[in-house]
């Protein structure tokens, strides 16, 4: 069972890192489907991100993340864990989870300190 985010959950994380992790997962299969984009937009709305910043975060969806580990190394564990949880739902938003999305999720889980059983 997924626990909902506490009202102040997004106050304690780095928004740039959070949106980068979601972008990594969205881009993992090299196909951005409308359902994934909708989920991405919904998370920005939930975080009350202003429209100018949303444009910058949408640009992340066009980036290629060739080395996921290099991108997420040094990110805050709390941010990684929240983004991991939401990234799993983003990956499933289109009704299927591509193997490359699973690989990205596993890599992020490793850096977030989430073991395979919990994942």
Protein backbone atom coordinates (compact mmCIF):
# COMPACT_ATOMS: atom_id res chain seq x y z
CA UNK A 1 0.00 0.00 0.00
CA UNK A 2 1.35 3.40 -0.96
CA UNK A 3 1.34 6.08 1.67
CA UNK A 4 0.30 9.53 0.47
CA UNK A 5 2.77 12.37 0.66
CA UNK A 6 2.55 14.43 3.80
CA UNK A 7 1.56 18.03 3.10
CA UNK A 8 5.08 19.23 3.80
CA UNK A 9 6.90 16.31 2.11
CA UNK A 10 7.97 18.44 -0.83
CA UNK A 11 9.35 21.17 1.44
CA UNK A 12 12.14 18.83 2.56
CA UNK A 13 13.39 17.77 -0.87
CA UNK A 14 15.30 19.31 -3.75
CA UNK A 15 12.77 19.97 -6.54
CA UNK A 16 15.45 19.99 -9.25
CA UNK A 17 16.72 16.58 -8.18
CA UNK A 18 13.20 15.20 -7.81
CA UNK A 19 12.16 16.30 -11.30
CA UNK A 20 15.46 15.04 -12.73
CA UNK A 21 14.80 11.56 -11.32
CA UNK A 22 11.29 11.54 -12.77
CA UNK A 23 12.76 12.61 -16.12
CA UNK A 24 15.33 9.80 -16.00
CA UNK A 25 12.58 7.25 -15.54
CA UNK A 26 10.32 8.85 -18.16
CA UNK A 27 13.19 8.87 -20.68
CA UNK A 28 14.47 5.38 -19.90
CA UNK A 29 12.56 3.71 -22.73
CA UNK A 30 13.11 6.66 -25.13
CA UNK A 31 9.35 7.05 -25.54
CA UNK A 32 7.38 9.72 -23.67
CA UNK A 33 3.73 8.75 -23.73
CA UNK A 34 0.88 11.16 -22.95
CA UNK A 35 0.09 9.32 -19.72
CA UNK A 36 3.66 9.79 -18.50
CA UNK A 37 3.61 13.46 -19.45
CA UNK A 38 0.32 13.87 -17.61
CA UNK A 39 1.78 12.28 -14.48
CA UNK A 40 4.86 14.54 -14.74
CA UNK A 41 2.63 17.62 -15.02
CA UNK A 42 0.47 16.44 -12.13
CA UNK A 43 3.51 16.14 -9.85
CA UNK A 44 4.61 19.67 -10.76
CA UNK A 45 1.11 20.88 -9.92
CA UNK A 46 1.14 19.00 -6.61
CA UNK A 47 4.42 20.68 -5.75
CA UNK A 48 2.99 24.10 -6.69
CA UNK A 49 5.83 24.80 -9.10
CA UNK A 50 5.41 28.14 -10.81
CA UNK A 51 4.88 28.20 -14.59
CA UNK A 52 8.35 29.58 -15.43
CA UNK A 53 10.06 26.74 -13.57
CA UNK A 54 7.74 24.20 -15.20
CA UNK A 55 9.16 25.17 -18.59
CA UNK A 56 12.66 24.35 -17.31
CA UNK A 57 11.53 21.03 -15.86
CA UNK A 58 9.75 20.06 -19.09
CA UNK A 59 13.08 20.57 -20.87
CA UNK A 60 14.47 17.72 -18.74
CA UNK A 61 12.10 15.40 -20.58
CA UNK A 62 14.03 16.07 -23.81
CA UNK A 63 17.40 15.33 -22.21
CA UNK A 64 19.18 12.04 -22.64
CA UNK A 65 20.56 10.64 -19.41
CA UNK A 66 23.33 8.35 -20.62
CA UNK A 67 24.88 7.75 -17.21
CA UNK A 68 22.15 7.55 -14.59
CA UNK A 69 24.59 6.82 -11.80
CA UNK A 70 26.65 9.91 -12.57
CA UNK A 71 23.49 12.03 -12.66
CA UNK A 72 22.09 10.85 -9.33
CA UNK A 73 25.35 10.43 -7.41
CA UNK A 74 25.33 12.78 -4.47
CA UNK A 75 21.59 13.40 -4.55
CA UNK A 76 19.77 13.59 -1.24
CA UNK A 77 18.46 10.17 -0.14
CA UNK A 78 15.11 11.60 0.96
CA UNK A 79 14.64 13.19 -2.44
CA UNK A 80 15.66 9.98 -4.21
CA UNK A 81 13.20 7.90 -2.21
CA UNK A 82 10.25 10.19 -2.85
CA UNK A 83 11.16 10.46 -6.54
CA UNK A 84 11.63 6.68 -6.72
CA UNK A 85 8.15 6.07 -5.35
CA UNK A 86 6.58 8.54 -7.76
CA UNK A 87 8.81 7.40 -10.62
CA UNK A 88 7.45 3.87 -10.33
CA UNK A 89 3.95 5.23 -10.78
CA UNK A 90 5.13 7.38 -13.68
CA UNK A 91 6.63 4.30 -15.37
CA UNK A 92 3.35 2.40 -14.92
CA UNK A 93 1.13 5.29 -16.04
CA UNK A 94 0.96 4.05 -19.62
CA UNK A 95 -0.07 0.54 -18.57
CA UNK A 96 3.30 -1.13 -19.03
CA UNK A 97 6.72 -0.87 -17.46
CA UNK A 98 9.51 -1.21 -20.02
CA UNK A 99 12.61 -3.22 -19.01
CA UNK A 100 14.77 -0.10 -19.39
CA UNK A 101 12.49 1.70 -16.93
CA UNK A 102 12.94 -1.20 -14.50
CA UNK A 103 16.73 -0.91 -14.88
CA UNK A 104 16.58 2.84 -14.15
CA UNK A 105 14.32 2.24 -11.14
CA UNK A 106 16.70 -0.39 -9.75
CA UNK A 107 19.69 1.92 -10.14
CA UNK A 108 17.86 4.74 -8.37
CA UNK A 109 16.72 2.34 -5.64
CA UNK A 110 20.35 1.32 -5.03
CA UNK A 111 21.38 4.94 -4.54
CA UNK A 112 18.32 5.57 -2.36
CA UNK A 113 19.23 2.67 -0.09
CA UNK A 114 16.14 0.67 -1.01
CA UNK A 115 16.84 -3.05 -1.16
CA UNK A 116 15.33 -5.42 -3.74
CA UNK A 117 12.82 -6.92 -1.29
CA UNK A 118 11.39 -3.53 -0.38
CA UNK A 119 11.41 -2.39 -3.99
